[in-house]
C-alpha cells in the first residue's frame, strides 16, 4: 500500500486524508481501495479541499457529509433545530400573518411538526425523513399539505440564507392514497335524511340554521357570518365570512355574490326572525344567544347531537354545501346559476366536482336541429 503527502492507506478498503482547517488537524476517511489510481484520486480530492480552504469557500458538509466533525465546524445557522426555526417563524408571523392563518400554523407546529422534527438540526432534515412521517399520518393529502406549510416556509428561508444547500421540500408535495377520504369526499345527504335532521333539532334556532345551510349551499364560515341587513327580499348578499371568530372577506373574490333564497331557506328565515331579528345582529346565534365561533363550535353544540338523535350516518357539516349542489344538479337546474349561487368563478368547478349528479342529456336533444335539416 503506497502513501503520498496528506493521504495514506489505512486498510484494504480505506484511504485517510489529512489537512488543517481552522487550526485543527483533521483526518477523514473515504471508502476506496488504495490502488494507485484511487490514491491519485484521493490526492486530487485533498487538493480540492486545500484550494477551497485557501479561497474561504470550504464547507465541511459538502466534502464529508457524514463526518463527526460537522457540528464542530458547522455555521451557527446549521446547528439550529427545526423546532427553534419553527418557533421563530411563528413569532415573526404573529404580526404579519392573518390571525386565523397564524392560529392554524401554530396548531400544525405544536401538534404535528415539532413532535416529529423539533429536535432535528435544520441541515440534517431530509426528504426521506418527511416522507416517512407523512406515511404515518391518517389525514388527506390536502390537509397534510396545509400542515407542512410552516415547515415549507422555514426551509425556503433557510435555503435563501445559505443555512442549508438543498431544500428537502422543494418541488415535492405529499400524495396520500386512501387516507382521510371520509373528510374530503362528497357524500351528500338524501332528502329523507335532511328531513330527519331538521326534525331532530333540539332548538328552533338550530333547526333554522341547518335548514338554511341545506338550502343555500353556504360555506360554514359564510353561514355564521350572515346578518339581517344582508337580506333583501328573496336575495342574500354574501359579503363576509367568520373564521375562528375573525371577520374576513369570503374565501374567493367570486364568493362575494347575490344568492337567491329558495323557499325552504326563506321559511327558515321567517321562523328565525322572532329569535334574533330585533337584535339587528347575526341571523343565527347559539341556543344561549351568543355568536357561533366556527365550524367546530357548530359540530359540538348542534351538529353531532342532532345527527345522533336523527339516527343519520355522520358526515361533516360541510356536506350541507355538497348536498345543496347535488340536489340542484339532480333537479336539472342551470349549472351556471348554481356556480353563481355557490360562489364559484364559472361552471367548470360544478361540472368537475358534481358531474355525476347532473342528469343525462335529454333523450329528445337534437331533434330541433334535425327539424331544421328536414325543412331545408
Protein backbone atom coordinates (compact mmCIF):
# COMPACT_ATOMS: atom_id res chain seq x y z
CA UNK A 1 0.00 0.00 0.00
CA UNK A 2 1.63 3.25 -1.08
CA UNK A 3 1.34 6.69 0.53
CA UNK A 4 1.53 10.30 -0.57
CA UNK A 5 1.73 13.54 1.37
CA UNK A 6 -1.50 14.02 3.32
CA UNK A 7 -3.03 10.73 2.27
CA UNK A 8 -2.37 7.16 3.31
CA UNK A 9 -3.90 3.75 3.01
CA UNK A 10 -5.06 2.53 6.42
CA UNK A 11 -6.83 -0.66 5.33
CA UNK A 12 -7.55 -2.71 2.26
CA UNK A 13 -10.65 -0.62 1.58
CA UNK A 14 -9.99 2.80 3.15
CA UNK A 15 -7.86 5.84 2.41
CA UNK A 16 -7.26 8.55 5.02
CA UNK A 17 -6.98 12.22 4.05
CA UNK A 18 -5.29 14.71 6.36
CA UNK A 19 -5.48 18.53 6.26
CA UNK A 20 -5.53 21.60 8.51
CA UNK A 21 -8.78 23.57 8.84
CA UNK A 22 -9.24 26.49 11.22
CA UNK A 23 -6.06 25.48 13.01
CA UNK A 24 -7.33 21.96 13.59
CA UNK A 25 -5.63 18.89 12.17
CA UNK A 26 -8.41 16.90 10.51
CA UNK A 27 -8.27 13.28 9.42
CA UNK A 28 -11.11 11.91 7.34
CA UNK A 29 -11.57 8.54 5.69
CA UNK A 30 -13.01 7.70 2.30
CA UNK A 31 -14.12 4.23 1.30
CA UNK A 32 -11.81 3.38 -1.58
CA UNK A 33 -9.42 0.53 -2.21
CA UNK A 34 -5.94 2.10 -2.10
CA UNK A 35 -4.96 1.24 -5.66
CA UNK A 36 -2.53 3.60 -7.43
CA UNK A 37 -5.42 5.10 -9.37
CA UNK A 38 -7.51 5.67 -6.23
CA UNK A 39 -4.53 7.12 -4.37
CA UNK A 40 -4.18 9.68 -7.19
CA UNK A 41 -7.91 10.42 -6.89
CA UNK A 42 -7.54 10.91 -3.13
CA UNK A 43 -4.59 13.25 -3.70
CA UNK A 44 -6.66 15.33 -6.12
CA UNK A 45 -9.57 15.31 -3.66
CA UNK A 46 -7.28 16.62 -0.92
CA UNK A 47 -6.01 19.26 -3.33
CA UNK A 48 -9.60 20.45 -3.91
CA UNK A 49 -10.08 20.67 -0.14
CA UNK A 50 -6.92 22.74 0.32
CA UNK A 51 -7.91 25.04 -2.56
CA UNK A 52 -11.38 25.60 -1.07
CA UNK A 53 -9.86 26.33 2.35
CA UNK A 54 -7.47 28.85 0.83
CA UNK A 55 -10.30 30.62 -1.04
CA UNK A 56 -12.55 30.62 2.03
CA UNK A 57 -15.26 28.55 0.34
CA UNK A 58 -14.71 25.24 2.14
CA UNK A 59 -17.88 23.68 3.56
CA UNK A 60 -17.15 20.63 5.66
CA UNK A 61 -20.56 19.12 4.96
CA UNK A 62 -20.07 19.26 1.19
CA UNK A 63 -16.89 17.18 1.30
CA UNK A 64 -17.68 14.94 4.28
CA UNK A 65 -21.46 14.83 4.85
CA UNK A 66 -21.20 12.03 7.45
CA UNK A 67 -18.25 13.32 9.41
CA UNK A 68 -18.28 13.52 13.20
CA UNK A 69 -16.71 16.96 12.92
CA UNK A 70 -19.75 18.53 11.24
CA UNK A 71 -21.08 20.09 14.42
CA UNK A 72 -17.63 21.41 15.28
CA UNK A 73 -17.31 23.35 12.04
CA UNK A 74 -20.92 23.94 11.05
CA UNK A 75 -22.11 27.57 10.74
CA UNK A 76 -24.27 28.63 13.67
CA UNK A 77 -27.38 28.54 11.49
CA UNK A 78 -26.84 24.88 10.63
CA UNK A 79 -26.91 23.96 14.32
CA UNK A 80 -30.36 25.45 14.74
CA UNK A 81 -33.03 22.82 15.16
CA UNK A 82 -36.20 22.59 13.11
CA UNK A 83 -38.18 23.30 16.28
CA UNK A 84 -36.29 26.51 17.02
CA UNK A 85 -36.70 27.70 13.44
CA UNK A 86 -40.45 26.99 13.55
CA UNK A 87 -40.78 28.91 16.81
CA UNK A 88 -39.00 31.91 15.27
CA UNK A 89 -41.27 31.72 12.24
CA UNK A 90 -44.37 31.79 14.45
CA UNK A 91 -43.02 34.69 16.48
CA UNK A 92 -42.40 36.74 13.34
CA UNK A 93 -45.61 35.62 11.65
CA UNK A 94 -47.85 36.60 14.56
CA UNK A 95 -47.53 40.22 13.41
CA UNK A 96 -47.55 39.71 9.64
CA UNK A 97 -49.91 36.78 9.04
CA UNK A 98 -53.69 36.82 9.07
CA UNK A 99 -54.79 35.85 12.59
CA UNK A 100 -56.72 32.73 11.55
CA UNK A 101 -53.81 31.61 9.35
CA UNK A 102 -51.36 32.10 12.18
CA UNK A 103 -53.53 30.06 14.55
CA UNK A 104 -53.68 27.22 12.01
CA UNK A 105 -49.90 27.35 11.61
CA UNK A 106 -49.38 27.34 15.37
CA UNK A 107 -51.61 24.30 15.69
CA UNK A 108 -49.62 22.48 12.98
CA UNK A 109 -46.29 23.42 14.55
CA UNK A 110 -47.19 22.47 18.12
CA UNK A 111 -49.21 19.33 17.44
CA UNK A 112 -47.54 17.89 14.35
CA UNK A 113 -44.25 19.36 13.17
CA UNK A 114 -42.33 19.87 16.42
CA UNK A 115 -43.19 16.44 17.82
CA UNK A 116 -41.96 14.91 14.56
CA UNK A 117 -38.90 17.04 13.68
CA UNK A 118 -38.37 19.53 16.51
CA UNK A 119 -35.02 18.18 17.71
CA UNK A 120 -33.53 17.63 14.24
CA UNK A 121 -30.93 20.16 13.07
CA UNK A 122 -32.14 22.05 10.02
CA UNK A 123 -29.18 20.85 8.00
CA UNK A 124 -29.90 17.21 8.82
CA UNK A 125 -33.56 17.12 7.81
CA UNK A 126 -34.06 15.09 4.63
CA UNK A 127 -36.93 14.46 2.25
CA UNK A 128 -36.81 10.81 3.27
CA UNK A 129 -37.49 11.86 6.88
CA UNK A 130 -40.51 13.91 5.82
CA UNK A 131 -41.84 11.19 3.51
CA UNK A 132 -41.56 8.58 6.24
CA UNK A 133 -43.51 10.80 8.62
CA UNK A 134 -46.24 11.66 6.12
CA UNK A 135 -46.81 7.95 5.54
CA UNK A 136 -47.89 7.63 9.18
CA UNK A 137 -50.48 10.43 9.06
CA UNK A 138 -54.15 9.47 8.76
CA UNK A 139 -55.30 12.67 7.04
CA UNK A 140 -55.97 13.72 3.46
CA UNK A 141 -53.18 14.89 1.17
CA UNK A 142 -54.70 18.38 1.18
CA UNK A 143 -54.69 18.54 4.98
CA UNK A 144 -51.13 17.22 5.06
CA UNK A 145 -50.03 19.90 2.60
CA UNK A 146 -51.55 22.55 4.86
CA UNK A 147 -49.78 21.11 7.91
CA UNK A 148 -46.44 21.30 6.08
CA UNK A 149 -46.84 24.97 5.12
CA UNK A 150 -44.91 26.39 8.12
CA UNK A 151 -42.10 23.87 7.58
CA UNK A 152 -42.03 24.71 3.88
CA UNK A 153 -41.64 28.41 4.71
CA UNK A 154 -38.86 27.72 7.24
CA UNK A 155 -36.90 25.55 4.80
CA UNK A 156 -37.28 28.09 1.98
CA UNK A 157 -35.86 30.83 4.24
CA UNK A 158 -33.02 28.57 5.40
CA UNK A 159 -32.11 27.83 1.79
CA UNK A 160 -32.19 31.51 0.82
CA UNK A 161 -30.00 32.38 3.82
CA UNK A 162 -27.46 29.69 2.94
CA UNK A 163 -28.08 27.73 6.14
CA UNK A 164 -28.89 24.65 4.06
CA UNK A 165 -27.83 23.97 0.50
CA UNK A 166 -30.80 21.79 -0.53
CA UNK A 167 -34.43 22.35 0.41
CA UNK A 168 -35.90 18.86 1.02
CA UNK A 169 -39.42 20.10 0.31
CA UNK A 170 -38.63 21.92 -2.93
CA UNK A 171 -40.74 20.57 -5.78
CA UNK A 172 -42.39 17.90 -3.63
CA UNK A 173 -45.92 17.58 -2.22
CA UNK A 174 -47.41 14.71 -0.25
CA UNK A 175 -49.63 12.25 -2.05
CA UNK A 176 -51.65 10.12 0.33
CA UNK A 177 -53.75 7.35 -1.21
CA UNK A 178 -56.78 6.03 0.58
CA UNK A 179 -56.25 8.15 3.69
CA UNK A 180 -58.55 10.79 5.05
CA UNK A 181 -61.13 10.41 2.35
CA UNK A 182 -64.02 10.50 4.82
CA UNK A 183 -63.31 14.14 5.48
CA UNK A 184 -62.93 15.34 1.93
CA UNK A 185 -65.12 13.16 -0.31
CA UNK A 186 -68.53 14.33 -1.43
CA UNK A 187 -71.14 12.38 0.50
CA UNK A 188 -74.43 14.31 0.34
CA UNK A 189 -77.49 13.70 2.47
CA UNK A 190 -80.69 12.38 0.91
CA UNK A 191 -83.95 14.36 1.12
CA UNK A 192 -85.21 11.90 3.75
CA UNK A 193 -82.07 12.42 5.81
CA UNK A 194 -82.43 16.20 5.54
CA UNK A 195 -85.98 16.00 6.88
CA UNK A 196 -84.89 13.69 9.70
CA UNK A 197 -82.06 16.04 10.69
CA UNK A 198 -84.22 19.15 10.68
CA UNK A 199 -86.96 17.43 12.68
CA UNK A 200 -84.47 16.15 15.26
CA UNK A 201 -83.11 19.59 16.18
CA UNK A 202 -83.50 20.27 19.89
CA UNK A 203 -83.73 24.05 19.48
CA UNK A 204 -85.63 26.21 16.97
CA UNK A 205 -82.52 28.28 16.27
CA UNK A 206 -80.53 25.18 15.39
CA UNK A 207 -83.34 23.88 13.18
CA UNK A 208 -83.42 27.16 11.26
CA UNK A 209 -79.63 27.24 10.97
CA UNK A 210 -79.38 23.74 9.50
CA UNK A 211 -82.35 24.14 7.16
CA UNK A 212 -80.84 27.39 5.87
CA UNK A 213 -77.48 25.64 5.39
CA UNK A 214 -79.01 22.77 3.41
CA UNK A 215 -80.93 25.12 1.10
CA UNK A 216 -78.34 27.83 0.43
CA UNK A 217 -75.11 25.87 -0.01
CA UNK A 218 -73.24 28.45 2.05
CA UNK A 219 -69.80 27.62 3.39
CA UNK A 220 -69.88 27.22 7.17
CA UNK A 221 -67.77 30.35 7.61
CA UNK A 222 -70.29 32.31 5.50
CA UNK A 223 -73.31 30.79 7.24
CA UNK A 224 -72.34 32.01 10.71
CA UNK A 225 -71.47 35.49 9.38
CA UNK A 226 -74.79 36.44 7.75
CA UNK A 227 -76.60 39.42 9.24
CA UNK A 228 -80.20 40.58 8.88
CA UNK A 229 -79.02 43.60 6.94
CA UNK A 230 -77.72 41.22 4.25
CA UNK A 231 -81.26 40.11 3.36
CA UNK A 232 -83.08 41.96 0.57
CA UNK A 233 -86.36 40.21 -0.14
CA UNK A 234 -85.50 36.81 -1.59
CA UNK A 235 -81.84 37.72 -2.09
CA UNK A 236 -78.94 37.22 0.32
CA UNK A 237 -75.87 39.43 -0.14
CA UNK A 238 -72.90 37.22 0.78
CA UNK A 239 -70.09 39.60 1.67
CA UNK A 240 -68.23 38.25 4.69
CA UNK A 241 -67.06 35.11 6.49
CA UNK A 242 -66.15 34.31 10.07
CA UNK A 243 -63.04 32.22 10.64
CA UNK A 244 -62.00 31.45 14.23
CA UNK A 245 -64.12 34.36 15.37
CA UNK A 246 -62.44 36.78 12.96
CA UNK A 247 -64.46 38.58 10.28
CA UNK A 248 -62.91 38.49 6.82
CA UNK A 249 -63.97 38.52 3.14
CA UNK A 250 -65.33 35.29 1.60
CA UNK A 251 -62.85 32.63 0.54
CA UNK A 252 -62.62 33.89 -3.06
CA UNK A 253 -63.43 37.08 -4.99
CA UNK A 254 -66.34 35.31 -6.65
CA UNK A 255 -67.52 34.42 -3.16
CA UNK A 256 -68.90 37.96 -2.85
CA UNK A 257 -72.24 37.36 -4.50
CA UNK A 258 -76.01 37.72 -4.55
CA UNK A 259 -77.64 34.43 -3.64
CA UNK A 260 -81.24 33.64 -4.48
CA UNK A 261 -83.09 32.34 -1.43
CA UNK A 262 -85.16 29.30 -2.26
CA UNK A 263 -88.45 28.65 -0.46
CA UNK A 264 -87.05 26.34 2.29
CA UNK A 265 -84.36 28.95 3.07
CA UNK A 266 -86.97 31.70 3.22
CA UNK A 267 -89.06 29.58 5.57
CA UNK A 268 -86.04 29.13 7.86
CA UNK A 269 -85.52 32.91 7.94
CA UNK A 270 -89.19 33.53 8.72
CA UNK A 271 -89.00 31.12 11.66
CA UNK A 272 -85.73 32.66 12.84
CA UNK A 273 -86.93 36.24 12.74
CA UNK A 274 -88.63 36.28 16.19
CA UNK A 275 -85.46 34.86 17.74
CA UNK A 276 -82.77 37.32 16.57
CA UNK A 277 -84.20 39.99 14.24
CA UNK A 278 -84.68 42.67 16.88
CA UNK A 279 -81.04 42.38 17.94
CA UNK A 280 -80.10 43.67 14.47
CA UNK A 281 -77.03 41.45 14.52
CA UNK A 282 -76.15 37.95 13.34
CA UNK A 283 -79.08 35.98 11.97
CA UNK A 284 -78.03 32.74 13.62
CA UNK A 285 -76.96 32.54 17.27
CA UNK A 286 -76.31 29.68 19.67
CA UNK A 287 -79.16 28.47 21.91
CA UNK A 288 -77.78 30.71 24.67
CA UNK A 289 -77.80 33.77 22.39
CA UNK A 290 -74.09 34.00 21.58
CA UNK A 291 -72.43 34.18 18.13
CA UNK A 292 -71.20 30.95 16.57
CA UNK A 293 -67.38 30.91 16.54
CA UNK A 294 -66.57 28.41 13.80
CA UNK A 295 -67.50 25.03 12.33
CA UNK A 296 -66.02 23.21 15.33
CA UNK A 297 -68.43 25.12 17.57
CA UNK A 298 -71.36 24.09 15.37
CA UNK A 299 -70.23 20.45 15.34
CA UNK A 300 -70.06 20.25 19.12
CA UNK A 301 -73.23 22.17 20.05
CA UNK A 302 -75.59 21.46 17.16
CA UNK A 303 -74.41 19.01 14.54
CA UNK A 304 -73.24 15.90 16.38
CA UNK A 305 -76.15 15.78 18.89
CA UNK A 306 -78.70 16.32 16.11
CA UNK A 307 -77.36 13.58 13.81
CA UNK A 308 -77.23 11.15 16.72
CA UNK A 309 -80.84 11.91 17.63
CA UNK A 310 -81.94 11.64 13.99
CA UNK A 311 -80.15 8.31 13.56
CA UNK A 312 -78.39 9.62 10.44
CA UNK A 313 -74.93 8.42 9.48
CA UNK A 314 -72.34 11.03 10.41
CA UNK A 315 -70.81 13.34 7.82
CA UNK A 316 -69.05 16.68 8.33
CA UNK A 317 -71.21 19.85 8.41
CA UNK A 318 -69.62 20.98 5.13
CA UNK A 319 -71.63 18.21 3.45
CA UNK A 320 -74.65 20.55 3.68
CA UNK A 321 -72.96 22.56 0.91
CA UNK A 322 -72.33 19.43 -1.17
CA UNK A 323 -75.92 18.34 -0.54
CA UNK A 324 -77.29 21.61 -1.91
CA UNK A 325 -75.15 21.33 -5.04
CA UNK A 326 -76.01 17.69 -5.70
CA UNK A 327 -79.73 18.32 -5.18
CA UNK A 328 -79.70 21.22 -7.62
CA UNK A 329 -77.77 19.17 -10.18
CA UNK A 330 -80.13 16.21 -9.80
CA UNK A 331 -83.09 18.53 -10.31
CA UNK A 332 -81.61 19.72 -13.60
CA UNK A 333 -81.03 23.32 -12.52
CA UNK A 334 -78.83 25.53 -14.72
CA UNK A 335 -75.19 24.81 -13.93
CA UNK A 336 -74.01 28.40 -14.38
CA UNK A 337 -76.72 29.59 -12.00
CA UNK A 338 -75.60 27.01 -9.46
CA UNK A 339 -71.97 28.11 -9.80
CA UNK A 340 -73.01 31.69 -9.06
CA UNK A 341 -75.09 30.57 -6.07
CA UNK A 342 -72.12 28.74 -4.60
CA UNK A 343 -69.57 31.45 -5.28
CA UNK A 344 -67.57 29.70 -8.00
CA UNK A 345 -65.96 31.67 -10.79
CA UNK A 346 -67.60 29.59 -13.51
CA UNK A 347 -69.42 26.31 -14.12
CA UNK A 348 -66.26 24.24 -14.65
CA UNK A 349 -65.90 23.57 -10.93
CA UNK A 350 -69.51 22.40 -10.68
CA UNK A 351 -69.13 20.12 -13.70
CA UNK A 352 -65.91 18.64 -12.38
CA UNK A 353 -66.99 18.10 -8.77
CA UNK A 354 -70.71 17.38 -9.09
CA UNK A 355 -70.87 16.00 -12.62
CA UNK A 356 -72.21 12.58 -11.63
CA UNK A 357 -75.33 14.21 -10.22
CA UNK A 358 -76.08 16.07 -13.45
CA UNK A 359 -78.82 14.18 -15.37
CA UNK A 360 -78.03 12.58 -18.69
CA UNK A 361 -78.72 14.62 -21.79
CA UNK A 362 -82.41 14.90 -22.71
CA UNK A 363 -83.19 11.91 -24.97
CA UNK A 364 -85.00 14.32 -27.30
CA UNK A 365 -81.97 16.61 -27.59
CA UNK A 366 -81.05 17.32 -31.22
CA UNK A 367 -84.49 16.86 -32.66
CA UNK A 368 -84.90 20.60 -33.18
CA UNK A 369 -81.70 20.66 -35.19
CA UNK A 370 -82.88 17.71 -37.26
CA UNK A 371 -86.10 19.56 -37.96
CA UNK A 372 -84.10 22.45 -39.44
CA UNK A 373 -82.43 19.96 -41.82
CA UNK A 374 -85.75 18.42 -42.81
CA UNK A 375 -87.25 21.82 -43.53
CA UNK A 376 -84.45 22.89 -45.86
